[in-house]
Protein backbone atom coordinates (compact mmCIF):
# COMPACT_ATOMS: atom_id res chain seq x y z
CA MET A 1 6.77 -44.89 -9.03
CA VAL A 2 6.29 -42.13 -6.23
CA GLU A 3 3.46 -42.60 -4.21
CA GLU A 4 1.73 -39.42 -4.01
CA LEU A 5 0.81 -37.13 -1.24
CA SER A 6 -2.86 -35.91 -0.30
CA ARG A 7 -4.30 -34.29 1.97
CA GLU A 8 -8.11 -33.12 2.73
CA THR A 9 -8.82 -30.23 4.11
CA ASP A 10 -11.66 -28.07 5.66
CA VAL A 11 -10.55 -24.74 4.64
CA VAL A 12 -7.53 -24.03 2.42
CA VAL A 13 -5.78 -20.76 1.94
CA ILE A 14 -3.84 -20.10 -0.71
CA GLY A 15 -1.12 -17.36 -0.68
CA ALA A 16 0.10 -16.39 2.76
CA GLY A 17 0.03 -12.80 2.92
CA PRO A 18 -1.90 -10.29 4.98
CA GLY A 19 -5.10 -11.66 3.26
CA GLY A 20 -4.31 -15.54 2.78
CA TYR A 21 -2.88 -16.29 6.31
CA ALA A 22 -5.89 -13.49 8.85
CA ALA A 23 -8.16 -15.78 6.70
CA ALA A 24 -7.03 -18.90 7.69
CA PHE A 25 -6.51 -17.91 11.19
CA ARG A 26 -9.44 -16.63 11.55
CA ALA A 27 -11.17 -20.04 10.33
CA ALA A 28 -9.16 -21.81 12.38
CA ASP A 29 -10.60 -19.58 15.84
CA LEU A 30 -13.79 -20.49 14.17
CA GLY A 31 -13.82 -24.38 14.54
CA LEU A 32 -12.80 -25.23 10.78
CA GLU A 33 -9.58 -27.48 9.32
CA VAL A 34 -6.70 -24.91 7.32
CA THR A 35 -4.84 -25.49 4.92
CA LEU A 36 -2.21 -21.97 4.43
CA VAL A 37 -0.52 -22.69 1.34
CA ASP A 38 2.32 -20.46 -0.24
CA VAL A 39 5.47 -20.47 -2.24
CA ARG A 40 7.35 -19.77 0.57
CA GLU A 41 8.89 -21.13 2.93
CA LYS A 42 7.58 -19.03 6.46
CA PRO A 43 3.89 -17.04 5.72
CA GLY A 44 4.16 -13.24 5.01
CA GLY A 45 3.50 -12.58 1.51
CA VAL A 46 5.00 -10.05 -0.88
CA CYS A 47 3.97 -7.46 1.88
CA LEU A 48 6.35 -9.10 4.56
CA TYR A 49 8.98 -9.76 2.22
CA GLU A 50 9.24 -7.42 -0.63
CA GLY A 51 6.56 -4.67 -0.74
CA CYS A 52 4.89 -3.52 3.34
CA ILE A 53 7.19 -3.69 5.39
CA PRO A 54 11.01 -3.43 4.31
CA SER A 55 9.66 -0.39 2.63
CA LYS A 56 8.78 1.03 5.69
CA ALA A 57 11.67 0.09 7.30
CA LEU A 58 14.13 2.32 4.76
CA LEU A 59 11.35 4.83 4.88
CA PHE A 60 12.13 4.91 8.81
CA ALA A 61 16.09 5.14 7.98
CA ALA A 62 15.64 8.15 6.06
CA GLU A 63 13.39 10.00 7.25
CA LEU A 64 15.86 9.86 10.19
CA VAL A 65 19.34 11.17 8.05
CA SER A 66 16.32 13.63 6.86
CA GLU A 67 15.43 15.23 10.73
CA ALA A 68 19.34 14.43 10.88
CA ARG A 69 19.57 17.07 8.37
CA ARG A 70 16.60 19.26 9.66
CA ALA A 71 18.14 19.37 13.31
CA LYS A 72 20.06 22.66 12.04
CA GLU A 73 17.19 24.74 12.26
CA LEU A 74 16.49 24.57 15.80
CA GLY A 75 20.57 25.47 16.33
CA ILE A 76 20.99 21.92 15.94
CA HIS A 77 23.66 20.72 14.70
CA PHE A 78 25.17 17.42 13.18
CA SER A 79 27.61 15.81 11.12
CA ASP A 80 26.59 14.45 7.71
CA PRO A 81 25.10 10.74 9.30
CA ARG A 82 27.30 7.53 7.61
CA ILE A 83 25.51 5.53 5.74
CA ASP A 84 26.38 1.83 6.23
CA VAL A 85 24.16 -0.18 3.40
CA GLY A 86 24.85 -2.86 4.80
CA ASP A 87 23.80 -2.68 8.31
CA LEU A 88 20.96 -1.35 6.80
CA ARG A 89 20.05 -4.60 4.89
CA ARG A 90 20.74 -6.25 7.81
CA TRP A 91 18.40 -4.83 10.10
CA LYS A 92 16.08 -4.35 7.69
CA GLU A 93 15.25 -7.78 7.61
CA ASP A 94 15.41 -8.68 10.41
CA ILE A 95 12.58 -7.52 11.07
CA VAL A 96 11.06 -9.00 7.87
CA GLU A 97 12.55 -12.45 9.78
CA ASN A 98 11.08 -11.73 13.39
CA PHE A 99 7.87 -10.67 12.59
CA THR A 100 7.50 -14.43 9.66
CA LYS A 101 8.99 -16.09 12.44
CA GLY A 102 6.19 -14.44 14.42
CA LEU A 103 3.61 -15.53 12.20
CA GLN A 104 4.57 -19.41 12.22
CA GLY A 105 3.98 -19.46 15.98
CA LEU A 106 0.57 -17.56 15.72
CA GLY A 107 -0.61 -20.26 12.62
CA GLU A 108 0.78 -23.25 15.21
CA ARG A 109 -0.31 -22.96 17.86
CA ARG A 110 -4.12 -22.37 15.98
CA LYS A 111 -3.03 -25.83 14.19
CA VAL A 112 -2.62 -24.16 10.49
CA GLN A 113 -0.81 -26.74 8.51
CA PHE A 114 1.14 -24.40 6.29
CA VAL A 115 2.40 -26.07 2.86
CA ARG A 116 5.10 -25.01 0.83
CA GLY A 117 4.30 -25.38 -2.91
CA ARG A 118 3.09 -23.80 -6.07
CA ALA A 119 -1.01 -24.47 -6.31
CA SER A 120 -3.21 -24.27 -9.09
CA PHE A 121 -7.56 -26.14 -9.26
CA GLU A 122 -7.75 -29.27 -10.54
CA GLY A 123 -11.17 -28.51 -10.25
CA SER A 124 -13.97 -27.16 -7.84
CA GLU A 125 -12.87 -29.35 -4.67
CA SER A 126 -9.19 -30.56 -5.44
CA LEU A 127 -6.11 -28.57 -5.39
CA ARG A 128 -2.75 -29.67 -8.01
CA LEU A 129 0.50 -28.61 -5.96
CA LYS A 130 4.43 -28.95 -7.09
CA GLY A 131 7.37 -27.95 -5.88
CA GLY A 132 6.82 -29.12 -2.11
CA GLU A 133 5.96 -32.08 -0.88
CA VAL A 134 2.28 -32.70 -0.64
CA SER A 135 1.56 -32.27 -4.01
CA GLN A 136 -2.75 -32.77 -3.96
CA ILE A 137 -5.04 -30.87 -1.07
CA ARG A 138 -8.91 -31.96 -1.22
CA PHE A 139 -10.69 -28.91 0.14
CA LYS A 140 -14.44 -28.09 1.00
CA HIS A 141 -13.95 -24.40 0.55
CA ALA A 142 -11.37 -22.78 -1.20
CA ILE A 143 -9.56 -19.13 -0.12
CA VAL A 144 -7.34 -17.55 -2.85
CA ALA A 145 -5.53 -14.79 -1.94
CA THR A 146 -3.00 -14.89 -3.88
CA GLY A 147 -2.05 -10.98 -4.81
CA SER A 148 -0.34 -9.24 -7.40
CA ARG A 149 3.03 -8.36 -8.68
CA SER A 150 4.73 -5.70 -10.48
CA SER A 151 3.48 -4.44 -14.22
CA ALA A 152 6.18 -4.38 -17.11
CA LEU A 153 6.78 -1.40 -18.45
CA PRO A 154 5.39 -0.81 -21.50
CA GLY A 155 6.88 -1.22 -24.55
CA ILE A 156 10.24 -2.19 -22.55
CA GLN A 157 11.87 -5.09 -23.42
CA ILE A 158 15.35 -5.06 -22.26
CA THR A 159 15.94 -7.87 -19.48
CA SER A 160 18.58 -6.61 -17.46
CA ASP A 161 20.24 -5.92 -13.47
CA ARG A 162 19.79 -1.71 -13.87
CA LEU A 163 16.11 -2.83 -14.36
CA MET A 164 14.56 -2.84 -10.82
CA TYR A 165 10.72 -3.00 -9.57
CA SER A 166 10.22 -2.83 -5.74
CA SER A 167 11.29 -6.01 -4.96
CA GLU A 168 14.67 -5.31 -5.93
CA ALA A 169 14.84 -1.84 -4.79
CA LEU A 170 14.01 -3.28 -1.10
CA GLU A 171 17.30 -5.93 -0.85
CA LEU A 172 18.78 -2.63 -1.24
CA GLN A 173 22.32 -3.98 -3.28
CA GLU A 174 23.50 -1.09 -3.57
CA VAL A 175 23.22 2.72 -3.60
CA PRO A 176 23.27 3.90 -7.30
CA GLU A 177 24.96 6.89 -8.04
CA THR A 178 22.23 8.51 -10.73
CA LEU A 179 18.44 6.48 -10.38
CA LEU A 180 15.23 7.13 -13.24
CA VAL A 181 12.12 5.94 -10.85
CA VAL A 182 9.75 5.38 -13.76
CA GLY A 183 6.07 6.51 -12.13
CA GLY A 184 5.70 8.66 -9.48
CA GLY A 185 2.58 6.84 -7.90
CA TYR A 186 3.64 6.30 -3.86
CA ILE A 187 5.36 3.33 -4.89
CA GLY A 188 7.89 5.72 -6.71
CA LEU A 189 7.79 8.36 -4.51
CA GLU A 190 8.22 5.98 -1.60
CA LEU A 191 11.25 3.85 -2.88
CA GLY A 192 12.32 7.31 -4.86
CA THR A 193 12.66 9.77 -1.04
CA VAL A 194 13.99 6.60 0.21
CA TYR A 195 17.11 6.04 -2.45
CA ALA A 196 17.39 10.05 -2.69
CA SER A 197 17.87 10.08 1.39
CA LEU A 198 21.00 7.42 1.24
CA GLY A 199 22.36 9.40 -1.29
CA SER A 200 21.86 8.54 -4.91
CA LYS A 201 21.01 11.02 -7.03
CA VAL A 202 17.05 9.60 -7.84
CA THR A 203 14.96 11.18 -11.17
CA VAL A 204 11.34 10.98 -11.13
CA VAL A 205 9.16 10.67 -14.77
CA GLU A 206 5.35 10.48 -14.79
CA LEU A 207 3.17 10.33 -16.91
CA THR A 208 0.39 11.69 -16.24
CA ASP A 209 -0.22 15.17 -14.45
CA GLN A 210 1.01 14.96 -11.28
CA LEU A 211 2.72 13.36 -8.62
CA LEU A 212 0.28 10.93 -7.24
CA PRO A 213 -2.20 10.41 -9.73
CA GLY A 214 -5.52 10.86 -8.46
CA VAL A 215 -5.27 12.11 -5.20
CA ASP A 216 -6.20 15.73 -4.32
CA ARG A 217 -3.77 18.31 -5.73
CA ASP A 218 -4.11 20.26 -2.94
CA LEU A 219 -3.80 17.23 -0.68
CA VAL A 220 0.02 16.64 -2.84
CA ARG A 221 0.97 19.80 -2.95
CA PRO A 222 3.09 19.78 -0.07
CA VAL A 223 4.28 16.51 -1.17
CA GLU A 224 5.41 17.54 -4.30
CA LYS A 225 7.80 20.54 -3.40
CA ARG A 226 9.82 17.75 -0.73
CA VAL A 227 9.27 15.23 -3.16
CA ARG A 228 11.64 18.56 -5.91
CA GLU A 229 13.83 19.61 -2.99
CA LEU A 230 14.99 16.22 -2.45
CA VAL A 231 15.56 14.92 -5.59
CA SER A 232 17.53 16.42 -8.39
CA GLY A 233 13.90 16.26 -11.20
CA VAL A 234 10.87 15.71 -11.36
CA HIS A 235 9.21 15.23 -15.05
CA LEU A 236 5.47 15.60 -15.35
CA LYS A 237 3.22 14.12 -18.95
CA THR A 238 6.78 12.47 -19.49
CA ARG A 239 6.98 8.58 -21.01
CA VAL A 240 9.78 6.38 -21.84
CA VAL A 241 10.02 4.64 -25.48
CA GLY A 242 12.80 3.09 -25.03
CA MET A 243 15.88 2.10 -23.21
CA GLU A 244 19.75 0.23 -24.11
CA GLU A 245 22.32 -1.09 -21.90
CA THR A 246 25.41 0.48 -22.35
CA GLY A 247 28.66 0.35 -20.92
CA ARG A 248 27.99 2.74 -18.36
CA GLY A 249 24.25 2.16 -17.42
CA LEU A 250 20.74 2.26 -18.72
CA GLU A 251 20.49 4.19 -21.75
CA VAL A 252 16.86 5.64 -21.93
CA GLU A 253 15.14 7.50 -23.90
CA PHE A 254 11.81 9.63 -22.60
CA GLU A 255 8.89 11.59 -24.52
CA GLY A 256 6.96 14.59 -23.40
CA GLU A 257 8.24 17.78 -21.35
CA ILE A 258 11.93 17.19 -20.94
CA GLU A 259 14.73 18.83 -22.21
CA ALA A 260 17.43 16.29 -23.28
CA VAL A 261 14.64 13.19 -24.70
CA ARG A 262 18.00 10.94 -24.08
CA HIS A 263 19.85 10.55 -20.07
CA ASN A 264 21.87 7.49 -18.76
CA PHE A 265 21.70 5.99 -15.30
CA ASP A 266 22.79 3.39 -13.38
CA LYS A 267 19.95 2.08 -12.19
CA VAL A 268 15.62 2.50 -13.32
CA LEU A 269 13.15 1.12 -11.38
CA ALA A 270 9.98 1.17 -12.51
CA CYS A 271 6.62 1.26 -10.72
CA VAL A 272 3.54 1.91 -13.69
CA GLY A 273 1.53 -0.32 -11.18
CA ARG A 274 0.56 -3.84 -10.35
CA LYS A 275 -1.64 -6.83 -12.04
CA PRO A 276 -3.54 -9.63 -9.86
CA ASN A 277 -2.19 -13.17 -9.81
CA SER A 278 -4.65 -14.37 -11.67
CA VAL A 279 -2.72 -16.74 -13.90
CA ASP A 280 -1.85 -19.70 -14.09
CA LEU A 281 -4.14 -21.22 -11.49
CA GLY A 282 -6.33 -23.30 -13.31
CA LEU A 283 -9.67 -20.67 -12.78
CA GLU A 284 -10.60 -23.03 -16.17
CA HIS A 285 -11.54 -25.50 -14.38
CA THR A 286 -13.52 -24.05 -11.36
CA ASN A 287 -16.50 -21.10 -12.28
CA VAL A 288 -14.49 -18.41 -11.22
CA GLN A 289 -15.17 -15.08 -13.62
CA THR A 290 -12.18 -12.42 -13.67
CA ASP A 291 -12.45 -10.05 -15.64
CA GLU A 292 -10.75 -7.70 -18.16
CA ASN A 293 -7.61 -6.20 -16.01
CA GLY A 294 -8.17 -10.20 -14.47
CA PHE A 295 -9.35 -9.53 -11.12
CA ILE A 296 -11.51 -12.57 -9.79
CA GLN A 297 -15.29 -11.28 -9.45
CA VAL A 298 -16.55 -11.84 -5.88
CA ASP A 299 -19.41 -10.90 -4.50
CA SER A 300 -19.73 -8.40 -1.16
CA GLN A 301 -18.97 -12.21 0.70
CA ARG A 302 -16.28 -12.81 -1.51
CA ARG A 303 -17.39 -15.97 -3.02
CA THR A 304 -17.34 -16.65 -6.70
CA GLY A 305 -18.72 -17.87 -9.14
CA ASP A 306 -18.40 -21.14 -7.86
CA GLN A 307 -19.91 -21.89 -5.02
CA HIS A 308 -16.72 -23.70 -3.10
CA ILE A 309 -14.75 -20.57 -3.56
CA LEU A 310 -13.80 -17.14 -2.38
CA ALA A 311 -11.50 -14.67 -3.47
CA ILE A 312 -9.59 -11.90 -1.56
CA GLY A 313 -7.39 -8.78 -1.02
CA ASP A 314 -5.41 -7.59 -4.58
CA VAL A 315 -6.56 -10.24 -6.53
CA ALA A 316 -10.11 -9.31 -6.11
CA GLY A 317 -9.66 -5.74 -7.04
CA GLU A 318 -9.08 -2.74 -6.13
CA PRO A 319 -7.74 -1.12 -4.02
CA MET A 320 -4.61 -2.74 -3.46
CA LEU A 321 -4.13 -2.64 0.34
CA ALA A 322 -2.78 -4.35 2.88
CA HIS A 323 -5.49 -3.78 5.53
CA LYS A 324 -8.51 -4.37 2.64
CA ALA A 325 -7.59 -8.14 2.46
CA THR A 326 -7.24 -7.86 5.56
CA ARG A 327 -10.23 -7.18 6.27
CA GLU A 328 -12.07 -9.78 4.02
CA GLY A 329 -9.66 -12.81 4.69
CA LYS A 330 -11.48 -12.52 8.03
CA VAL A 331 -15.15 -12.37 6.25
CA ALA A 332 -14.22 -14.84 4.46
CA ALA A 333 -13.84 -17.18 6.91
CA GLU A 334 -16.82 -15.71 9.06
CA VAL A 335 -18.54 -16.72 5.57
CA ILE A 336 -17.32 -20.41 5.53
CA ALA A 337 -18.14 -20.97 9.05
CA GLY A 338 -21.71 -19.53 8.13
CA GLN A 339 -21.47 -16.40 10.08
CA PRO A 340 -23.92 -13.00 8.25
CA SER A 341 -20.42 -11.99 7.79
CA SER A 342 -20.33 -9.04 4.74
CA PHE A 343 -17.40 -6.72 2.91
CA ASP A 344 -19.78 -4.26 3.96
CA ASN A 345 -17.45 -1.51 4.82
CA LEU A 346 -17.33 2.21 3.70
CA ALA A 347 -13.93 3.90 4.39
CA ILE A 348 -10.52 2.46 3.35
CA PRO A 349 -7.67 4.02 4.46
CA ALA A 350 -5.02 4.90 1.93
CA VAL A 351 -2.10 6.11 2.83
CA VAL A 352 1.59 7.80 1.30
CA PHE A 353 4.54 6.85 3.32
CA THR A 354 6.52 9.70 1.85
CA ASP A 355 7.63 13.39 3.55
CA PRO A 356 5.18 14.72 4.24
CA GLU A 357 2.76 11.26 4.68
CA VAL A 358 -0.14 11.54 3.08
CA ALA A 359 -3.51 10.15 4.13
CA TRP A 360 -6.60 9.64 2.78
CA CYS A 361 -10.58 7.58 3.40
CA GLY A 362 -13.78 8.33 2.20
CA LEU A 363 -15.33 10.17 -0.58
CA THR A 364 -12.32 12.28 -1.94
CA GLU A 365 -13.02 16.17 -3.96
CA THR A 366 -11.59 14.88 -7.11
CA GLN A 367 -13.86 12.28 -7.09
CA ALA A 368 -16.89 14.41 -5.14
CA ARG A 369 -16.48 17.34 -8.42
CA SER A 370 -16.48 14.02 -11.59
CA GLU A 371 -19.55 12.36 -9.46
CA GLY A 372 -21.35 16.08 -9.60
CA ARG A 373 -21.73 15.10 -5.77
CA LYS A 374 -22.41 18.77 -4.18
CA VAL A 375 -19.83 18.55 -0.76
CA LYS A 376 -18.65 21.39 1.34
CA VAL A 377 -15.05 21.51 2.14
CA SER A 378 -13.69 22.38 5.10
CA ARG A 379 -9.21 22.58 5.53
CA PHE A 380 -7.09 23.33 9.02
CA PRO A 381 -4.01 24.77 8.25
CA TRP A 382 -1.01 23.03 9.41
CA ALA A 383 0.51 26.31 9.86
CA ALA A 384 -2.24 27.79 12.23
CA SER A 385 -1.80 23.48 14.55
CA SER A 386 0.55 24.30 17.94
CA ARG A 387 1.92 21.01 17.87
CA ALA A 388 3.36 21.36 14.08
CA LEU A 389 4.67 23.92 14.89
CA THR A 390 6.45 22.44 17.15
CA LEU A 391 7.41 19.78 15.26
CA GLY A 392 8.47 22.36 13.07
CA ARG A 393 6.03 20.29 10.47
CA SER A 394 3.47 23.85 9.17
CA GLU A 395 3.00 22.51 5.66
CA GLY A 396 0.36 19.99 7.08
CA MET A 397 -3.02 20.44 6.55
CA THR A 398 -6.72 18.33 7.88
CA LYS A 399 -9.67 18.54 5.38
CA MET A 400 -13.23 17.13 5.45
CA LEU A 401 -15.86 17.03 3.37
CA PHE A 402 -19.16 16.92 4.08
CA ASP A 403 -22.97 16.61 2.63
CA PRO A 404 -23.94 20.26 2.95
CA GLU A 405 -27.34 19.03 4.76
CA SER A 406 -27.03 16.97 7.48
CA GLY A 407 -23.22 17.86 8.02
CA ARG A 408 -22.64 13.89 7.78
CA VAL A 409 -19.05 13.31 7.12
CA LEU A 410 -18.42 11.53 3.77
CA GLY A 411 -14.55 12.28 2.78
CA VAL A 412 -11.58 12.76 5.03
CA GLY A 413 -7.78 13.65 4.23
CA ILE A 414 -4.27 14.81 5.47
CA VAL A 415 -1.06 15.11 4.35
CA GLY A 416 1.28 16.11 6.67
CA CYS A 417 3.52 14.16 9.15
CA HIS A 418 2.40 11.03 11.33
CA ALA A 419 -0.66 11.06 8.71
CA GLY A 420 -1.15 7.66 8.31
CA GLU A 421 -2.06 7.14 11.49
CA LEU A 422 -3.87 10.21 12.49
CA ILE A 423 -6.51 8.89 9.42
CA ALA A 424 -8.56 6.11 12.37
CA GLU A 425 -10.25 8.66 13.48
CA GLY A 426 -11.58 9.57 10.04
CA VAL A 427 -12.39 6.25 9.30
CA LEU A 428 -13.67 6.03 12.22
CA ALA A 429 -15.87 9.60 11.85
CA ILE A 430 -17.18 8.04 8.01
CA GLU A 431 -18.06 4.31 9.35
CA MET A 432 -20.09 5.58 12.53
CA GLY A 433 -22.13 8.24 10.26
CA ALA A 434 -20.82 11.71 12.55
CA VAL A 435 -21.71 14.28 11.18
CA ALA A 436 -19.28 17.85 11.97
CA GLU A 437 -21.11 18.22 15.78
CA ASP A 438 -19.72 14.17 16.19
CA LEU A 439 -15.91 15.75 16.08
CA ALA A 440 -16.47 19.43 17.03
CA ALA A 441 -17.51 18.63 19.90
CA THR A 442 -15.12 15.51 20.92
CA VAL A 443 -12.48 16.61 23.32
CA HIS A 444 -8.86 16.68 21.43
CA ALA A 445 -5.64 16.74 23.51
CA HIS A 446 -3.42 19.29 23.72
CA PRO A 447 -1.47 19.82 21.89
CA THR A 448 -1.44 17.88 19.39
CA LEU A 449 -1.91 16.86 15.73
CA SER A 450 -5.38 15.16 16.24
CA GLU A 451 -6.07 18.15 17.46
CA THR A 452 -6.81 19.83 13.10
CA LEU A 453 -9.14 16.85 12.85
CA GLY A 454 -12.35 18.85 15.23
CA GLU A 455 -10.74 21.88 13.91
CA THR A 456 -11.68 21.24 10.66
CA ALA A 457 -14.78 20.42 11.26
CA GLU A 458 -15.40 23.75 14.06
CA ALA A 459 -14.40 24.96 10.41
CA PHE A 460 -17.15 23.79 9.10
CA LEU A 461 -19.27 25.12 11.56
CA GLY A 462 -18.15 28.19 11.53
CA GLN A 463 -17.38 28.00 15.34
CA ALA A 464 -13.15 27.47 15.03
CA ILE A 465 -11.25 29.40 17.44
CA HIS A 466 -7.54 29.04 15.99
CA ILE A 467 -8.65 30.91 12.32
CA TYR A 468 -10.91 33.31 11.40
CA ARG A 469 -13.06 33.41 8.45
CA LYS A 470 -15.48 36.92 8.63
C-alpha cells in the first residue's frame, strides 16, 4: 500500500489565479505559513494562461495591424501586413511563460509552498488532493479562489473541434476563413476583432438589442461603428438554435433578426458568459453556502458560512474581473491574519479592450435610470480634445455622473483609445469622495487625453473652455 503524503499549513489557497496568488503572497508577507494549490504546474490561473494576458497580447497585435492600415489617412503608406500565425502564437506564449516564471520566483522567495493537484474538501479543516504527490492538506484556514469557466451554448449538444470557447480561441492554432462569434459581450468582441484583424471573415450574433449589453449606449456607439466596419456582419436580437457539422464546417441555424436562417462557418466561437467553479469542491462537507447561480456566499470580509473558509474572485460573485479578485485576495489574507480589513471598495473599473476601448466605474447612467436615481450627466466629446485630434481618434467621449446637489462624482465612463488607462482617475475620484471642483481644479498635462476628465467636470460646473453651452 502506498503511503499517503500529508501536509499541514496555516493557510491553504485553492486556485493560483490573480486572486489566489495575491492572497497567498499577502498571507506569506504577514507571517503565515501558506500552501498554494492549483491544477497547473505553475501559478497564474485562467487569466494568465487563457484569458486576460494572452487576449491582450493578441489585441495589441491586432491594433498594430489596424494602425498600419489606418496610416494612409496620415499620408503614410505601408504594404499590407504579412501575418505569421506561428510566430505570433510563439510571441504570445513567451509572454505567458515569462510571467509564470516571475510569479513562481516571487512565491519561492516568500516560501509559499506550491502544490499541484485538484482539491476538494473532506471537512472544514482538511482537503483531499488528486493528480499530484500530496494527497491531503490539513489547514487552519482555506481561501477558495477557483475562478470560473465558459458557459456552454444553451441547447447545443454538438462536440466538435470547430466549436471553440475563449481558451481554444486564444491558442491561435489557425485563422479560419469564416468565423461566427456567438455573444456580443466583451469577450466576444475582443476575440472577434482579433480574428477579423488577422484576416477572418467574422460574423457576430447577440441575443439582446445592443452590443456590450448593460453598458451605456452612448459609450457603445463608437465601438459598434468600428466593429461593423471590421467584421462581415453584426446581428442583434438573434440566437443560435441549431448546429450541425458538415463536410464544409459547421452549419448554424439562427432565429431572430437575420435574413437567412442557416449559414455555414469554418469555426464558431461561443462567448455566452461564465459560470463559477464551485462544483466538485466538496463544499457539502463544510458549512459553505452557494446561491442559485453557484456563487459562494461571502460577507464583506470574504468569509463564508464556515469559520475556517473564505472565498474570493469569480467563484464568490460578480463582477468576474481579475483586479476585483486580486483586491479580495489581499483582504482575505489580512482578515485571516487578524487585521481589520474589508472589501468595501466603492468602484470596480471595467474595461473592454476593443478598438476603441470602453471603460467605466461606479454608477452607470443605465443603472441610475433603472433605479430612479437623480443624477446630472456631463459629457466631453473628444472632437474637442487636441490630443485626440493629433492621434486621429476624435470618436471618443468622456462622461461623468454627478450628484445634482453636492456635485460628488458618482460614476465615470470613457470610450476611446487608452480608456482603460484613463479610468483610474475616475476610480480614485469615486473612492476619495471627490466633487466636480476637485477634478476641475486639478491641473492635467496638455495635450493629453487625461484633460478630458477635467474638462468633463468643468462642463458640469459651466466652466468648460473647449465646448460652448449657451
